[in-house]
Amino acid sequence: MSFGSPERTREVIARIQAQEGRRDELVDAFRQYFPQVESEDGTRVYAISTDTADETSVWVYELYTGGEALQAHSGSDAFKAFGATLGGL
C-alpha cells in the first residue's frame, strides 16, 4: 500500500484528555465519528489508542494525502460539530 511521497502527506498525532472517569465516553464519541472521517476524500488513516499509563488520555493518529485533504477535514461542519461534542468529555 502506498500513501504517496512523504512530502505530500500530512500527519497529525494528538493527545486528547478526557475528564476523569469519562474516557470511555470519549472513545465512544470517536467511534461514532469514524464513518464520517472514513468517507472523506484524502483521509488515509484515522485511528485512536488509549494510553495504558494515563486513564484520561486518548491518542489520535491521522494521515492525509496532503494539505488540502487535512484542511478539508478540519474545516468541515462535521469536524466542528464533533469538536463541540468533545468539549464536555
Protein backbone atom coordinates (compact mmCIF):
# COMPACT_ATOMS: atom_id res chain seq x y z
CA MET A 1 0.00 0.00 0.00
CA SER A 2 1.35 3.39 -0.93
CA PHE A 3 0.36 6.69 0.60
CA GLY A 4 2.31 8.85 -1.83
CA SER A 5 5.52 10.69 -1.21
CA PRO A 6 6.31 11.90 2.32
CA GLU A 7 6.47 15.48 1.03
CA ARG A 8 2.80 15.39 0.11
CA THR A 9 1.20 13.55 3.02
CA ARG A 10 0.16 15.29 6.21
CA GLU A 11 0.19 13.57 9.58
CA VAL A 12 -1.41 14.53 12.87
CA ILE A 13 -0.68 12.97 16.25
CA ALA A 14 -2.66 14.42 19.12
CA ARG A 15 -3.34 13.56 22.72
CA ILE A 16 -6.88 14.26 23.86
CA GLN A 17 -7.55 14.22 27.58
CA ALA A 18 -10.94 13.21 28.90
CA GLN A 19 -12.35 14.40 32.15
CA GLU A 20 -11.71 11.99 35.00
CA GLY A 21 -13.79 8.83 34.53
CA ARG A 22 -15.09 9.81 31.06
CA ARG A 23 -12.51 8.29 28.74
CA ASP A 24 -14.86 5.51 27.62
CA GLU A 25 -17.39 8.15 26.56
CA LEU A 26 -14.65 9.93 24.63
CA VAL A 27 -13.71 6.70 22.86
CA ASP A 28 -17.38 6.08 22.01
CA ALA A 29 -17.66 9.59 20.55
CA PHE A 30 -14.69 8.86 18.28
CA ARG A 31 -16.23 5.55 17.21
CA GLN A 32 -19.40 7.35 16.19
CA TYR A 33 -17.32 9.88 14.24
CA PHE A 34 -15.23 7.29 12.35
CA PRO A 35 -17.75 6.73 9.48
CA GLN A 36 -17.71 10.45 8.71
CA VAL A 37 -13.93 10.59 8.57
CA GLU A 38 -13.69 7.39 6.55
CA SER A 39 -15.97 8.92 3.90
CA GLU A 40 -13.73 11.96 3.41
CA ASP A 41 -11.57 12.04 0.31
CA GLY A 42 -7.92 12.13 1.22
CA THR A 43 -8.16 10.52 4.65
CA ARG A 44 -5.84 7.52 4.71
CA VAL A 45 -5.65 6.71 8.43
CA TYR A 46 -7.76 7.90 11.34
CA ALA A 47 -7.19 5.83 14.44
CA ILE A 48 -7.25 6.17 18.19
CA SER A 49 -5.45 4.40 21.00
CA THR A 50 -5.98 4.60 24.74
CA ASP A 51 -2.95 5.36 26.87
CA THR A 52 -2.14 2.48 29.23
CA ALA A 53 -0.20 4.80 31.55
CA ASP A 54 -2.85 7.54 31.78
CA GLU A 55 -6.52 6.71 32.28
CA THR A 56 -7.62 10.06 30.85
CA SER A 57 -5.64 10.11 27.60
CA VAL A 58 -6.61 9.05 24.10
CA TRP A 59 -4.09 9.34 21.26
CA VAL A 60 -5.34 10.22 17.78
CA TYR A 61 -3.34 9.30 14.68
CA GLU A 62 -4.32 10.84 11.34
CA LEU A 63 -2.79 10.58 7.88
CA TYR A 64 -4.00 12.58 4.88
CA THR A 65 -2.99 12.59 1.24
CA GLY A 66 -1.94 16.24 1.52
CA GLY A 67 -2.56 19.63 2.99
CA GLU A 68 -5.79 20.16 1.08
CA ALA A 69 -7.28 16.96 2.49
CA LEU A 70 -6.27 17.94 6.02
CA GLN A 71 -7.78 21.41 5.56
CA ALA A 72 -10.99 19.93 4.18
CA HIS A 73 -11.23 17.63 7.19
CA SER A 74 -10.51 20.27 9.82
CA GLY A 75 -12.75 22.83 8.13
CA SER A 76 -15.77 20.58 7.74
CA ASP A 77 -19.03 21.14 9.56
CA ALA A 78 -18.83 17.56 10.87
CA PHE A 79 -15.42 18.27 12.45
CA LYS A 80 -16.72 21.43 14.09
CA ALA A 81 -19.74 19.58 15.49
CA PHE A 82 -17.51 16.76 16.71
CA GLY A 83 -15.21 19.25 18.43
CA ALA A 84 -18.20 20.70 20.28
CA THR A 85 -19.13 17.19 21.43
CA LEU A 86 -15.64 16.60 22.82
CA GLY A 87 -15.77 19.75 24.92
CA GLY A 88 -17.94 18.08 27.55
CA LEU A 89 -15.95 14.89 27.77
